[in-house]
Amino acid sequence: MAAGLFSNELRVFQEHRDEWLRTKAGKFVVIQDSVVAEGFFDTYSEALKAGLQAFGVDHNFLVKQVWTTEPVYYLA
């Protein structure tokens, strides 16, 4: 796995993805290091707000949507 920013958070996401897909598909999760914030969220903004409340502005945290495959976006 690639080392770098959010590598721990992405590892935690991969470890739990199959479990979360069964009941939380499409929801947003917040992860800081190896800590998963309480709850899953319907929108990115709700998850971001929860992450700021849980971890503060001085800590990096990942907001990620639970999907089977990652969406691909094209910019023209």
Protein backbone atom coordinates (compact mmCIF):
# COMPACT_ATOMS: atom_id res chain seq x y z
CA MET A 1 0.00 0.00 0.00
CA ALA A 2 1.27 3.46 -0.80
CA ALA A 3 2.63 5.41 2.14
CA GLY A 4 1.53 8.97 2.61
CA LEU A 5 -1.24 11.21 3.71
CA PHE A 6 -4.40 9.24 4.56
CA SER A 7 -2.73 5.82 4.13
CA ASN A 8 -3.98 4.70 7.57
CA GLU A 9 -7.47 6.02 6.87
CA LEU A 10 -7.61 4.28 3.49
CA ARG A 11 -6.40 1.03 5.07
CA VAL A 12 -9.20 1.21 7.66
CA PHE A 13 -11.72 1.93 4.89
CA GLN A 14 -10.54 -1.10 2.88
CA GLU A 15 -10.68 -3.33 5.96
CA HIS A 16 -14.33 -2.41 6.62
CA ARG A 17 -15.63 -1.73 3.11
CA ASP A 18 -17.33 -5.09 2.53
CA GLU A 19 -19.04 -4.90 5.92
CA TRP A 20 -20.17 -1.31 5.33
CA LEU A 21 -21.43 -2.07 1.82
CA ARG A 22 -24.02 -4.46 3.22
CA THR A 23 -25.71 -1.82 5.36
CA LYS A 24 -24.23 1.63 4.58
CA ALA A 25 -23.80 1.73 0.79
CA GLY A 26 -23.88 5.31 -0.50
CA LYS A 27 -23.36 6.84 2.95
CA PHE A 28 -20.32 8.89 3.99
CA VAL A 29 -17.88 7.78 6.69
CA VAL A 30 -15.31 9.87 8.59
CA ILE A 31 -11.96 8.33 9.57
CA GLN A 32 -9.00 9.90 11.38
CA ASP A 33 -5.91 7.69 11.63
CA SER A 34 -7.57 4.41 12.69
CA VAL A 35 -10.58 5.98 14.44
CA VAL A 36 -13.96 5.87 12.72
CA ALA A 37 -16.24 8.73 13.78
CA GLU A 38 -19.56 7.69 15.19
CA GLY A 39 -22.29 7.42 12.58
CA PHE A 40 -22.63 7.42 8.82
CA PHE A 41 -23.92 10.42 6.93
CA ASP A 42 -26.20 11.07 3.96
CA THR A 43 -24.18 13.99 2.57
CA TYR A 44 -20.56 15.03 2.34
CA SER A 45 -21.30 18.27 4.19
CA GLU A 46 -22.89 16.41 7.13
CA ALA A 47 -19.85 14.12 7.32
CA LEU A 48 -17.43 17.04 7.11
CA LYS A 49 -19.22 18.84 9.92
CA ALA A 50 -19.14 15.69 12.07
CA GLY A 51 -15.43 15.25 11.33
CA LEU A 52 -14.68 18.82 12.39
CA GLN A 53 -16.66 18.33 15.59
CA ALA A 54 -14.99 15.00 16.38
CA PHE A 55 -11.40 15.77 15.38
CA GLY A 56 -11.14 19.56 15.12
CA VAL A 57 -9.56 21.77 12.50
CA ASP A 58 -5.98 20.91 13.52
CA HIS A 59 -6.19 17.23 12.52
CA ASN A 60 -6.44 15.61 9.10
CA PHE A 61 -9.36 13.26 8.58
CA LEU A 62 -10.84 11.45 5.61
CA VAL A 63 -14.44 11.77 4.43
CA LYS A 64 -15.23 8.94 2.03
CA GLN A 65 -18.39 7.59 0.46
CA VAL A 66 -19.02 3.86 0.75
CA TRP A 67 -19.16 2.45 -2.81
CA THR A 68 -18.32 -0.89 -4.40
CA THR A 69 -16.23 0.84 -7.04
CA GLU A 70 -14.81 4.33 -7.07
CA PRO A 71 -16.58 6.75 -9.41
CA VAL A 72 -14.48 8.24 -12.19
CA TYR A 73 -14.91 11.91 -13.00
CA TYR A 74 -13.77 13.49 -16.27
CA LEU A 75 -13.07 17.18 -16.59
CA ALA A 76 -13.02 18.75 -19.99
